[in-house]
Amino acid sequence: TAIGVLADHFRGSNLADCIVVSPDLGNAKVATQFARLLGLPVAAGSKR
């Protein structure tokens, strides 16, 4: 998985008022893991 490498990109950035969004519900689990690495809430799109 690349989410650890991608999360490192945001280290030291101001993430106040940020939220992680998954494009669809199927990707929500990975988005939740990514959000936990950054200490952020998560949302998702309902996609067809």
All heavy atoms as atom14 arrays in JSON, in Angstrom:
{
  "sequence": "TAIGVLADHFRGSNLADCIVVSPDLGNAKVATQFARLLGLPVAAGSKR",
  "atom14_mask": [
    [1, 1, 1, 1, 1, 1, 1, 0, 0, 0, 0, 0, 0, 0],
    [1, 1, 1, 1, 1, 0, 0, 0, 0, 0, 0, 0, 0, 0],
    [1, 1, 1, 1, 1, 1, 1, 1, 0, 0, 0, 0, 0, 0],
    [1, 1, 1, 1, 0, 0, 0, 0, 0, 0, 0, 0, 0, 0],
    [1, 1, 1, 1, 1, 1, 1, 0, 0, 0, 0, 0, 0, 0],
    [1, 1, 1, 1, 1, 1, 1, 1, 0, 0, 0, 0, 0, 0],
    [1, 1, 1, 1, 1, 0, 0, 0, 0, 0, 0, 0, 0, 0],
    [1, 1, 1, 1, 1, 1, 1, 1, 0, 0, 0, 0, 0, 0],
    [1, 1, 1, 1, 1, 1, 1, 1, 1, 1, 0, 0, 0, 0],
    [1, 1, 1, 1, 1, 1, 1, 1, 1, 1, 1, 0, 0, 0],
    [1, 1, 1, 1, 1, 1, 1, 1, 1, 1, 1, 0, 0, 0],
    [1, 1, 1, 1, 0, 0, 0, 0, 0, 0, 0, 0, 0, 0],
    [1, 1, 1, 1, 1, 1, 0, 0, 0, 0, 0, 0, 0, 0],
    [1, 1, 1, 1, 1, 1, 1, 1, 0, 0, 0, 0, 0, 0],
    [1, 1, 1, 1, 1, 1, 1, 1, 0, 0, 0, 0, 0, 0],
    [1, 1, 1, 1, 1, 0, 0, 0, 0, 0, 0, 0, 0, 0],
    [1, 1, 1, 1, 1, 1, 1, 1, 0, 0, 0, 0, 0, 0],
    [1, 1, 1, 1, 1, 1, 0, 0, 0, 0, 0, 0, 0, 0],
    [1, 1, 1, 1, 1, 1, 1, 1, 0, 0, 0, 0, 0, 0],
    [1, 1, 1, 1, 1, 1, 1, 0, 0, 0, 0, 0, 0, 0],
    [1, 1, 1, 1, 1, 1, 1, 0, 0, 0, 0, 0, 0, 0],
    [1, 1, 1, 1, 1, 1, 0, 0, 0, 0, 0, 0, 0, 0],
    [1, 1, 1, 1, 1, 1, 1, 0, 0, 0, 0, 0, 0, 0],
    [1, 1, 1, 1, 1, 1, 1, 1, 0, 0, 0, 0, 0, 0],
    [1, 1, 1, 1, 1, 1, 1, 1, 0, 0, 0, 0, 0, 0],
    [1, 1, 1, 1, 0, 0, 0, 0, 0, 0, 0, 0, 0, 0],
    [1, 1, 1, 1, 1, 1, 1, 1, 0, 0, 0, 0, 0, 0],
    [1, 1, 1, 1, 1, 0, 0, 0, 0, 0, 0, 0, 0, 0],
    [1, 1, 1, 1, 1, 1, 1, 1, 1, 0, 0, 0, 0, 0],
    [1, 1, 1, 1, 1, 1, 1, 0, 0, 0, 0, 0, 0, 0],
    [1, 1, 1, 1, 1, 0, 0, 0, 0, 0, 0, 0, 0, 0],
    [1, 1, 1, 1, 1, 1, 1, 0, 0, 0, 0, 0, 0, 0],
    [1, 1, 1, 1, 1, 1, 1, 1, 1, 0, 0, 0, 0, 0],
    [1, 1, 1, 1, 1, 1, 1, 1, 1, 1, 1, 0, 0, 0],
    [1, 1, 1, 1, 1, 0, 0, 0, 0, 0, 0, 0, 0, 0],
    [1, 1, 1, 1, 1, 1, 1, 1, 1, 1, 1, 0, 0, 0],
    [1, 1, 1, 1, 1, 1, 1, 1, 0, 0, 0, 0, 0, 0],
    [1, 1, 1, 1, 1, 1, 1, 1, 0, 0, 0, 0, 0, 0],
    [1, 1, 1, 1, 0, 0, 0, 0, 0, 0, 0, 0, 0, 0],
    [1, 1, 1, 1, 1, 1, 1, 1, 0, 0, 0, 0, 0, 0],
    [1, 1, 1, 1, 1, 1, 1, 0, 0, 0, 0, 0, 0, 0],
    [1, 1, 1, 1, 1, 1, 1, 0, 0, 0, 0, 0, 0, 0],
    [1, 1, 1, 1, 1, 0, 0, 0, 0, 0, 0, 0, 0, 0],
    [1, 1, 1, 1, 1, 0, 0, 0, 0, 0, 0, 0, 0, 0],
    [1, 1, 1, 1, 0, 0, 0, 0, 0, 0, 0, 0, 0, 0],
    [1, 1, 1, 1, 1, 1, 0, 0, 0, 0, 0, 0, 0, 0],
    [1, 1, 1, 1, 1, 1, 1, 1, 1, 0, 0, 0, 0, 0],
    [1, 1, 1, 1, 1, 1, 1, 1, 1, 1, 1, 0, 0, 0]
  ],
  "atom14_positions": [
    [[0.84, -1.19, 0.0], [0.0, 0.0, 0.0], [0.88, 1.24, 0.0], [1.97, 1.25, 0.6], [-0.94, 0.03, 1.22], [-1.67, 1.26, 1.21], [-0.17, -0.08, 2.53], [0.0, 0.0, 0.0], [0.0, 0.0, 0.0], [0.0, 0.0, 0.0], [0.0, 0.0, 0.0], [0.0, 0.0, 0.0], [0.0, 0.0, 0.0], [0.0, 0.0, 0.0]],
    [[0.42, 2.29, -0.66], [1.18, 3.54, -0.75], [0.68, 4.59, 0.23], [1.22, 5.7, 0.24], [1.1, 4.09, -2.18], [0.0, 0.0, 0.0], [0.0, 0.0, 0.0], [0.0, 0.0, 0.0], [0.0, 0.0, 0.0], [0.0, 0.0, 0.0], [0.0, 0.0, 0.0], [0.0, 0.0, 0.0], [0.0, 0.0, 0.0], [0.0, 0.0, 0.0]],
    [[-0.33, 4.27, 1.06], [-0.92, 5.36, 1.85], [0.06, 5.91, 2.88], [-0.04, 7.08, 3.26], [-2.25, 4.93, 2.51], [-2.05, 3.8, 3.52], [-3.27, 4.55, 1.46], [-3.32, 3.51, 4.31], [0.0, 0.0, 0.0], [0.0, 0.0, 0.0], [0.0, 0.0, 0.0], [0.0, 0.0, 0.0], [0.0, 0.0, 0.0], [0.0, 0.0, 0.0]],
    [[1.01, 5.09, 3.35], [2.02, 5.61, 4.26], [2.92, 6.63, 3.57], [3.23, 7.69, 4.12], [0.0, 0.0, 0.0], [0.0, 0.0, 0.0], [0.0, 0.0, 0.0], [0.0, 0.0, 0.0], [0.0, 0.0, 0.0], [0.0, 0.0, 0.0], [0.0, 0.0, 0.0], [0.0, 0.0, 0.0], [0.0, 0.0, 0.0], [0.0, 0.0, 0.0]],
    [[3.34, 6.32, 2.33], [4.17, 7.24, 1.55], [3.4, 8.51, 1.23], [3.93, 9.63, 1.32], [4.65, 6.55, 0.26], [5.37, 7.52, -0.65], [5.55, 5.36, 0.59], [0.0, 0.0, 0.0], [0.0, 0.0, 0.0], [0.0, 0.0, 0.0], [0.0, 0.0, 0.0], [0.0, 0.0, 0.0], [0.0, 0.0, 0.0], [0.0, 0.0, 0.0]],
    [[2.13, 8.37, 0.86], [1.32, 9.54, 0.53], [1.04, 10.39, 1.77], [1.01, 11.63, 1.69], [0.01, 9.1, -0.12], [0.16, 8.45, -1.5], [-1.16, 7.83, -1.96], [0.64, 9.47, -2.53], [0.0, 0.0, 0.0], [0.0, 0.0, 0.0], [0.0, 0.0, 0.0], [0.0, 0.0, 0.0], [0.0, 0.0, 0.0], [0.0, 0.0, 0.0]],
    [[0.82, 9.74, 2.91], [0.59, 10.5, 4.14], [1.83, 11.31, 4.51], [1.71, 12.43, 5.04], [0.21, 9.55, 5.28], [0.0, 0.0, 0.0], [0.0, 0.0, 0.0], [0.0, 0.0, 0.0], [0.0, 0.0, 0.0], [0.0, 0.0, 0.0], [0.0, 0.0, 0.0], [0.0, 0.0, 0.0], [0.0, 0.0, 0.0], [0.0, 0.0, 0.0]],
    [[3.02, 10.77, 4.23], [4.25, 11.51, 4.53], [4.31, 12.84, 3.79], [4.97, 13.78, 4.25], [5.48, 10.66, 4.15], [5.81, 9.62, 5.19], [5.27, 9.71, 6.31], [6.6, 8.71, 4.9], [0.0, 0.0, 0.0], [0.0, 0.0, 0.0], [0.0, 0.0, 0.0], [0.0, 0.0, 0.0], [0.0, 0.0, 0.0], [0.0, 0.0, 0.0]],
    [[3.64, 12.92, 2.63], [3.64, 14.17, 1.87], [3.02, 15.32, 2.68], [3.38, 16.49, 2.48], [2.86, 13.98, 0.57], [2.73, 15.23, -0.25], [3.76, 15.7, -1.05], [1.7, 16.12, -0.39], [3.37, 16.81, -1.64], [2.13, 17.09, -1.26], [0.0, 0.0, 0.0], [0.0, 0.0, 0.0], [0.0, 0.0, 0.0], [0.0, 0.0, 0.0]],
    [[2.12, 14.98, 3.58], [1.4, 16.01, 4.32], [2.0, 16.27, 5.71], [1.48, 17.1, 6.44], [-0.08, 15.61, 4.47], [-0.81, 15.54, 3.16], [-0.89, 14.35, 2.45], [-1.4, 16.67, 2.62], [-1.55, 14.28, 1.24], [-2.06, 16.62, 1.4], [-2.15, 15.42, 0.71], [0.0, 0.0, 0.0], [0.0, 0.0, 0.0], [0.0, 0.0, 0.0]],
    [[3.09, 15.57, 6.04], [3.7, 15.79, 7.34], [4.17, 17.24, 7.45], [4.83, 17.76, 6.54], [4.9, 14.86, 7.55], [4.6, 13.39, 7.39], [3.71, 12.84, 8.49], [3.45, 11.42, 8.27], [2.45, 10.77, 8.78], [1.59, 11.37, 9.57], [2.28, 9.48, 8.53], [0.0, 0.0, 0.0], [0.0, 0.0, 0.0], [0.0, 0.0, 0.0]],
    [[3.85, 17.89, 8.54], [4.26, 19.27, 8.74], [3.37, 20.3, 8.09], [3.59, 21.5, 8.25], [0.0, 0.0, 0.0], [0.0, 0.0, 0.0], [0.0, 0.0, 0.0], [0.0, 0.0, 0.0], [0.0, 0.0, 0.0], [0.0, 0.0, 0.0], [0.0, 0.0, 0.0], [0.0, 0.0, 0.0], [0.0, 0.0, 0.0], [0.0, 0.0, 0.0]],
    [[2.38, 19.86, 7.32], [1.45, 20.8, 6.69], [0.35, 21.2, 7.66], [0.03, 20.47, 8.6], [0.82, 20.18, 5.44], [1.82, 19.79, 4.51], [0.0, 0.0, 0.0], [0.0, 0.0, 0.0], [0.0, 0.0, 0.0], [0.0, 0.0, 0.0], [0.0, 0.0, 0.0], [0.0, 0.0, 0.0], [0.0, 0.0, 0.0], [0.0, 0.0, 0.0]],
    [[-0.23, 22.35, 7.43], [-1.37, 22.8, 8.23], [-2.61, 22.1, 7.72], [-3.11, 22.4, 6.63], [-1.51, 24.31, 8.13], [-2.73, 24.83, 8.9], [-3.31, 24.11, 9.72], [-3.11, 26.06, 8.63], [0.0, 0.0, 0.0], [0.0, 0.0, 0.0], [0.0, 0.0, 0.0], [0.0, 0.0, 0.0], [0.0, 0.0, 0.0], [0.0, 0.0, 0.0]],
    [[-3.12, 21.14, 8.5], [-4.28, 20.36, 8.08], [-5.55, 20.77, 8.82], [-6.53, 20.04, 8.81], [-4.0, 18.86, 8.3], [-2.83, 18.28, 7.51], [-2.66, 16.8, 7.83], [-3.01, 18.48, 6.01], [0.0, 0.0, 0.0], [0.0, 0.0, 0.0], [0.0, 0.0, 0.0], [0.0, 0.0, 0.0], [0.0, 0.0, 0.0], [0.0, 0.0, 0.0]],
    [[-5.51, 21.93, 9.46], [-6.72, 22.43, 10.12], [-7.82, 22.6, 9.09], [-7.57, 23.02, 7.95], [-6.43, 23.77, 10.8], [0.0, 0.0, 0.0], [0.0, 0.0, 0.0], [0.0, 0.0, 0.0], [0.0, 0.0, 0.0], [0.0, 0.0, 0.0], [0.0, 0.0, 0.0], [0.0, 0.0, 0.0], [0.0, 0.0, 0.0], [0.0, 0.0, 0.0]],
    [[-9.01, 22.26, 9.44], [-10.23, 22.31, 8.62], [-10.15, 21.41, 7.38], [-10.88, 21.62, 6.42], [-10.6, 23.75, 8.23], [-9.72, 24.41, 7.19], [-8.8, 23.77, 6.66], [-9.94, 25.59, 6.9], [0.0, 0.0, 0.0], [0.0, 0.0, 0.0], [0.0, 0.0, 0.0], [0.0, 0.0, 0.0], [0.0, 0.0, 0.0], [0.0, 0.0, 0.0]],
    [[-9.29, 20.38, 7.39], [-9.21, 19.43, 6.27], [-10.04, 18.19, 6.58], [-10.28, 17.85, 7.74], [-7.76, 19.0, 6.0], [-6.77, 20.24, 5.15], [0.0, 0.0, 0.0], [0.0, 0.0, 0.0], [0.0, 0.0, 0.0], [0.0, 0.0, 0.0], [0.0, 0.0, 0.0], [0.0, 0.0, 0.0], [0.0, 0.0, 0.0], [0.0, 0.0, 0.0]],
    [[-10.47, 17.49, 5.53], [-11.18, 16.22, 5.67], [-10.79, 15.33, 4.49], [-10.6, 15.81, 3.37], [-12.72, 16.44, 5.71], [-13.45, 15.12, 5.98], [-13.22, 17.12, 4.44], [-14.95, 15.3, 6.24], [0.0, 0.0, 0.0], [0.0, 0.0, 0.0], [0.0, 0.0, 0.0], [0.0, 0.0, 0.0], [0.0, 0.0, 0.0], [0.0, 0.0, 0.0]],
    [[-10.6, 14.04, 4.74], [-10.29, 13.08, 3.69], [-11.6, 12.59, 3.07], [-12.55, 12.26, 3.78], [-9.49, 11.89, 4.25], [-9.3, 10.81, 3.17], [-8.14, 12.35, 4.78], [0.0, 0.0, 0.0], [0.0, 0.0, 0.0], [0.0, 0.0, 0.0], [0.0, 0.0, 0.0], [0.0, 0.0, 0.0], [0.0, 0.0, 0.0], [0.0, 0.0, 0.0]],
    [[-11.64, 12.55, 1.75], [-12.85, 12.12, 1.03], [-12.51, 10.96, 0.11], [-11.55, 11.03, -0.68], [-13.45, 13.28, 0.21], [-14.64, 12.79, -0.61], [-13.87, 14.43, 1.12], [0.0, 0.0, 0.0], [0.0, 0.0, 0.0], [0.0, 0.0, 0.0], [0.0, 0.0, 0.0], [0.0, 0.0, 0.0], [0.0, 0.0, 0.0], [0.0, 0.0, 0.0]],
    [[-13.29, 9.89, 0.22], [-13.19, 8.77, -0.71], [-14.15, 9.01, -1.88], [-15.29, 9.42, -1.66], [-13.55, 7.47, 0.0], [-13.66, 6.41, -0.93], [0.0, 0.0, 0.0], [0.0, 0.0, 0.0], [0.0, 0.0, 0.0], [0.0, 0.0, 0.0], [0.0, 0.0, 0.0], [0.0, 0.0, 0.0], [0.0, 0.0, 0.0], [0.0, 0.0, 0.0]],
    [[-13.72, 8.75, -3.11], [-14.63, 8.97, -4.25], [-15.85, 8.07, -4.24], [-16.87, 8.39, -4.85], [-13.75, 8.68, -5.47], [-12.36, 8.78, -4.98], [-12.39, 8.36, -3.55], [0.0, 0.0, 0.0], [0.0, 0.0, 0.0], [0.0, 0.0, 0.0], [0.0, 0.0, 0.0], [0.0, 0.0, 0.0], [0.0, 0.0, 0.0], [0.0, 0.0, 0.0]],
    [[-15.75, 6.91, -3.56], [-16.88, 6.0, -3.52], [-16.83, 5.23, -2.21], [-15.83, 5.23, -1.49], [-16.89, 5.05, -4.72], [-15.56, 4.3, -4.87], [-15.2, 3.55, -3.95], [-14.89, 4.5, -5.9], [0.0, 0.0, 0.0], [0.0, 0.0, 0.0], [0.0, 0.0, 0.0], [0.0, 0.0, 0.0], [0.0, 0.0, 0.0], [0.0, 0.0, 0.0]],
    [[-17.91, 4.53, -1.91], [-18.0, 3.8, -0.65], [-17.07, 2.59, -0.63], [-16.62, 2.15, 0.43], [-19.45, 3.38, -0.4], [-20.45, 4.54, -0.28], [-21.88, 4.01, -0.15], [-20.11, 5.42, 0.9], [0.0, 0.0, 0.0], [0.0, 0.0, 0.0], [0.0, 0.0, 0.0], [0.0, 0.0, 0.0], [0.0, 0.0, 0.0], [0.0, 0.0, 0.0]],
    [[-16.76, 2.02, -1.8], [-15.88, 0.87, -1.86], [-14.45, 1.18, -1.43], [-13.73, 0.31, -0.95], [0.0, 0.0, 0.0], [0.0, 0.0, 0.0], [0.0, 0.0, 0.0], [0.0, 0.0, 0.0], [0.0, 0.0, 0.0], [0.0, 0.0, 0.0], [0.0, 0.0, 0.0], [0.0, 0.0, 0.0], [0.0, 0.0, 0.0], [0.0, 0.0, 0.0]],
    [[-14.04, 2.43, -1.6], [-12.68, 2.84, -1.22], [-12.64, 3.46, 0.17], [-11.6, 3.93, 0.62], [-12.16, 3.86, -2.25], [-10.68, 4.12, -2.12], [-9.87, 3.2, -2.17], [-10.31, 5.38, -1.95], [0.0, 0.0, 0.0], [0.0, 0.0, 0.0], [0.0, 0.0, 0.0], [0.0, 0.0, 0.0], [0.0, 0.0, 0.0], [0.0, 0.0, 0.0]],
    [[-13.78, 3.45, 0.87], [-13.88, 4.16, 2.15], [-12.95, 3.57, 3.21], [-12.44, 4.3, 4.07], [-15.32, 4.15, 2.64], [0.0, 0.0, 0.0], [0.0, 0.0, 0.0], [0.0, 0.0, 0.0], [0.0, 0.0, 0.0], [0.0, 0.0, 0.0], [0.0, 0.0, 0.0], [0.0, 0.0, 0.0], [0.0, 0.0, 0.0], [0.0, 0.0, 0.0]],
    [[-12.74, 2.24, 3.19], [-11.87, 1.64, 4.21], [-10.45, 2.17, 4.1], [-9.82, 2.53, 5.11], [-11.89, 0.12, 4.08], [-11.01, -0.58, 5.1], [-11.04, -2.1, 4.94], [-10.12, -2.77, 5.96], [-10.13, -4.25, 5.81], [0.0, 0.0, 0.0], [0.0, 0.0, 0.0], [0.0, 0.0, 0.0], [0.0, 0.0, 0.0], [0.0, 0.0, 0.0]],
    [[-9.92, 2.21, 2.88], [-8.56, 2.71, 2.68], [-8.5, 4.19, 3.04], [-7.54, 4.66, 3.66], [-8.11, 2.47, 1.23], [-6.73, 3.08, 0.99], [-8.09, 0.99, 0.92], [0.0, 0.0, 0.0], [0.0, 0.0, 0.0], [0.0, 0.0, 0.0], [0.0, 0.0, 0.0], [0.0, 0.0, 0.0], [0.0, 0.0, 0.0], [0.0, 0.0, 0.0]],
    [[-9.53, 4.95, 2.64], [-9.56, 6.38, 2.98], [-9.59, 6.59, 4.49], [-8.98, 7.53, 5.01], [-10.78, 7.03, 2.33], [0.0, 0.0, 0.0], [0.0, 0.0, 0.0], [0.0, 0.0, 0.0], [0.0, 0.0, 0.0], [0.0, 0.0, 0.0], [0.0, 0.0, 0.0], [0.0, 0.0, 0.0], [0.0, 0.0, 0.0], [0.0, 0.0, 0.0]],
    [[-10.27, 5.7, 5.2], [-10.32, 5.79, 6.67], [-8.95, 5.54, 7.27], [-8.52, 6.24, 8.2], [-11.35, 4.79, 7.23], [-12.65, 5.1, 6.71], [-11.4, 4.86, 8.75], [0.0, 0.0, 0.0], [0.0, 0.0, 0.0], [0.0, 0.0, 0.0], [0.0, 0.0, 0.0], [0.0, 0.0, 0.0], [0.0, 0.0, 0.0], [0.0, 0.0, 0.0]],
    [[-8.22, 4.55, 6.75], [-6.86, 4.29, 7.22], [-5.96, 5.5, 6.96], [-5.15, 5.89, 7.82], [-6.31, 3.06, 6.52], [-7.03, 1.77, 6.9], [-6.63, 0.61, 6.01], [-5.8, 0.74, 5.12], [-7.23, -0.55, 6.25], [0.0, 0.0, 0.0], [0.0, 0.0, 0.0], [0.0, 0.0, 0.0], [0.0, 0.0, 0.0], [0.0, 0.0, 0.0]],
    [[-6.09, 6.08, 5.78], [-5.31, 7.27, 5.42], [-5.65, 8.43, 6.35], [-4.76, 9.15, 6.84], [-5.6, 7.63, 3.97], [-4.81, 8.8, 3.44], [-3.45, 8.69, 3.19], [-5.43, 10.01, 3.18], [-2.72, 9.77, 2.69], [-4.72, 11.09, 2.68], [-3.36, 10.96, 2.43], [0.0, 0.0, 0.0], [0.0, 0.0, 0.0], [0.0, 0.0, 0.0]],
    [[-6.94, 8.62, 6.62], [-7.37, 9.7, 7.5], [-6.83, 9.51, 8.91], [-6.46, 10.49, 9.59], [-8.9, 9.78, 7.52], [0.0, 0.0, 0.0], [0.0, 0.0, 0.0], [0.0, 0.0, 0.0], [0.0, 0.0, 0.0], [0.0, 0.0, 0.0], [0.0, 0.0, 0.0], [0.0, 0.0, 0.0], [0.0, 0.0, 0.0], [0.0, 0.0, 0.0]],
    [[-6.78, 8.26, 9.38], [-6.25, 7.99, 10.72], [-4.78, 8.35, 10.81], [-4.3, 8.83, 11.84], [-6.45, 6.52, 11.08], [-7.9, 6.13, 11.36], [-8.0, 4.67, 11.76], [-7.3, 4.4, 13.01], [-7.14, 3.16, 13.5], [-7.61, 2.11, 12.84], [-6.5, 2.98, 14.64], [0.0, 0.0, 0.0], [0.0, 0.0, 0.0], [0.0, 0.0, 0.0]],
    [[-4.02, 8.13, 9.74], [-2.6, 8.49, 9.73], [-2.42, 10.0, 9.89], [-1.42, 10.45, 10.46], [-1.93, 8.02, 8.44], [-1.74, 6.51, 8.27], [-1.19, 6.21, 6.89], [-0.81, 5.95, 9.33], [0.0, 0.0, 0.0], [0.0, 0.0, 0.0], [0.0, 0.0, 0.0], [0.0, 0.0, 0.0], [0.0, 0.0, 0.0], [0.0, 0.0, 0.0]],
    [[-3.38, 10.77, 9.37], [-3.27, 12.22, 9.42], [-4.1, 12.84, 10.54], [-4.07, 14.06, 10.74], [-3.71, 12.82, 8.08], [-2.88, 12.42, 6.85], [-3.47, 13.02, 5.58], [-1.42, 12.85, 7.02], [0.0, 0.0, 0.0], [0.0, 0.0, 0.0], [0.0, 0.0, 0.0], [0.0, 0.0, 0.0], [0.0, 0.0, 0.0], [0.0, 0.0, 0.0]],
    [[-4.86, 11.99, 11.26], [-5.69, 12.51, 12.34], [-6.84, 13.36, 11.85], [-7.2, 14.38, 12.48], [0.0, 0.0, 0.0], [0.0, 0.0, 0.0], [0.0, 0.0, 0.0], [0.0, 0.0, 0.0], [0.0, 0.0, 0.0], [0.0, 0.0, 0.0], [0.0, 0.0, 0.0], [0.0, 0.0, 0.0], [0.0, 0.0, 0.0], [0.0, 0.0, 0.0]],
    [[-7.44, 12.95, 10.73], [-8.51, 13.74, 10.1], [-9.8, 12.93, 10.03], [-9.79, 11.7, 10.04], [-8.11, 14.15, 8.68], [-6.91, 15.09, 8.54], [-6.59, 15.32, 7.07], [-7.16, 16.42, 9.25], [0.0, 0.0, 0.0], [0.0, 0.0, 0.0], [0.0, 0.0, 0.0], [0.0, 0.0, 0.0], [0.0, 0.0, 0.0], [0.0, 0.0, 0.0]],
    [[-10.95, 13.63, 9.93], [-12.21, 12.92, 9.68], [-12.29, 12.46, 8.23], [-11.44, 12.83, 7.4], [-13.27, 13.98, 9.98], [-12.58, 15.28, 9.71], [-11.14, 15.07, 10.11], [0.0, 0.0, 0.0], [0.0, 0.0, 0.0], [0.0, 0.0, 0.0], [0.0, 0.0, 0.0], [0.0, 0.0, 0.0], [0.0, 0.0, 0.0], [0.0, 0.0, 0.0]],
    [[-13.31, 11.67, 7.92], [-13.42, 11.11, 6.58], [-14.86, 11.21, 6.08], [-15.81, 11.18, 6.87], [-12.94, 9.63, 6.57], [-13.87, 8.75, 7.42], [-12.83, 9.08, 5.16], [0.0, 0.0, 0.0], [0.0, 0.0, 0.0], [0.0, 0.0, 0.0], [0.0, 0.0, 0.0], [0.0, 0.0, 0.0], [0.0, 0.0, 0.0], [0.0, 0.0, 0.0]],
    [[-15.0, 11.38, 4.78], [-16.29, 11.39, 4.12], [-16.16, 10.58, 2.83], [-15.07, 10.17, 2.45], [-16.74, 12.82, 3.81], [0.0, 0.0, 0.0], [0.0, 0.0, 0.0], [0.0, 0.0, 0.0], [0.0, 0.0, 0.0], [0.0, 0.0, 0.0], [0.0, 0.0, 0.0], [0.0, 0.0, 0.0], [0.0, 0.0, 0.0], [0.0, 0.0, 0.0]],
    [[-17.28, 10.33, 2.16], [-17.24, 9.52, 0.94], [-18.34, 9.95, -0.01], [-19.4, 10.44, 0.4], [-17.39, 8.03, 1.28], [0.0, 0.0, 0.0], [0.0, 0.0, 0.0], [0.0, 0.0, 0.0], [0.0, 0.0, 0.0], [0.0, 0.0, 0.0], [0.0, 0.0, 0.0], [0.0, 0.0, 0.0], [0.0, 0.0, 0.0], [0.0, 0.0, 0.0]],
    [[-18.08, 9.74, -1.3], [-19.09, 9.97, -2.31], [-19.89, 8.7, -2.58], [-19.37, 7.59, -2.44], [0.0, 0.0, 0.0], [0.0, 0.0, 0.0], [0.0, 0.0, 0.0], [0.0, 0.0, 0.0], [0.0, 0.0, 0.0], [0.0, 0.0, 0.0], [0.0, 0.0, 0.0], [0.0, 0.0, 0.0], [0.0, 0.0, 0.0], [0.0, 0.0, 0.0]],
    [[-21.13, 8.86, -2.95], [-21.95, 7.73, -3.38], [-21.97, 7.74, -4.9], [-22.63, 8.59, -5.52], [-23.38, 7.87, -2.81], [-24.21, 6.84, -3.29], [0.0, 0.0, 0.0], [0.0, 0.0, 0.0], [0.0, 0.0, 0.0], [0.0, 0.0, 0.0], [0.0, 0.0, 0.0], [0.0, 0.0, 0.0], [0.0, 0.0, 0.0], [0.0, 0.0, 0.0]],
    [[-21.22, 6.8, -5.52], [-20.93, 6.86, -6.94], [-21.56, 5.72, -7.7], [-21.58, 4.58, -7.23], [-19.41, 6.85, -7.14], [-18.95, 6.98, -8.59], [-17.44, 7.06, -8.68], [-16.77, 5.74, -8.49], [-15.3, 5.8, -8.71], [0.0, 0.0, 0.0], [0.0, 0.0, 0.0], [0.0, 0.0, 0.0], [0.0, 0.0, 0.0], [0.0, 0.0, 0.0]],
    [[-22.07, 6.01, -8.89], [-22.54, 5.0, -9.84], [-21.77, 5.17, -11.14], [-21.69, 6.28, -11.67], [-24.04, 5.14, -10.13], [-24.95, 4.79, -8.96], [-26.42, 4.85, -9.38], [-26.85, 6.21, -9.68], [-27.17, 6.64, -10.9], [-27.1, 5.82, -11.94], [-27.56, 7.89, -11.09], [0.0, 0.0, 0.0], [0.0, 0.0, 0.0], [0.0, 0.0, 0.0]]
  ]
}
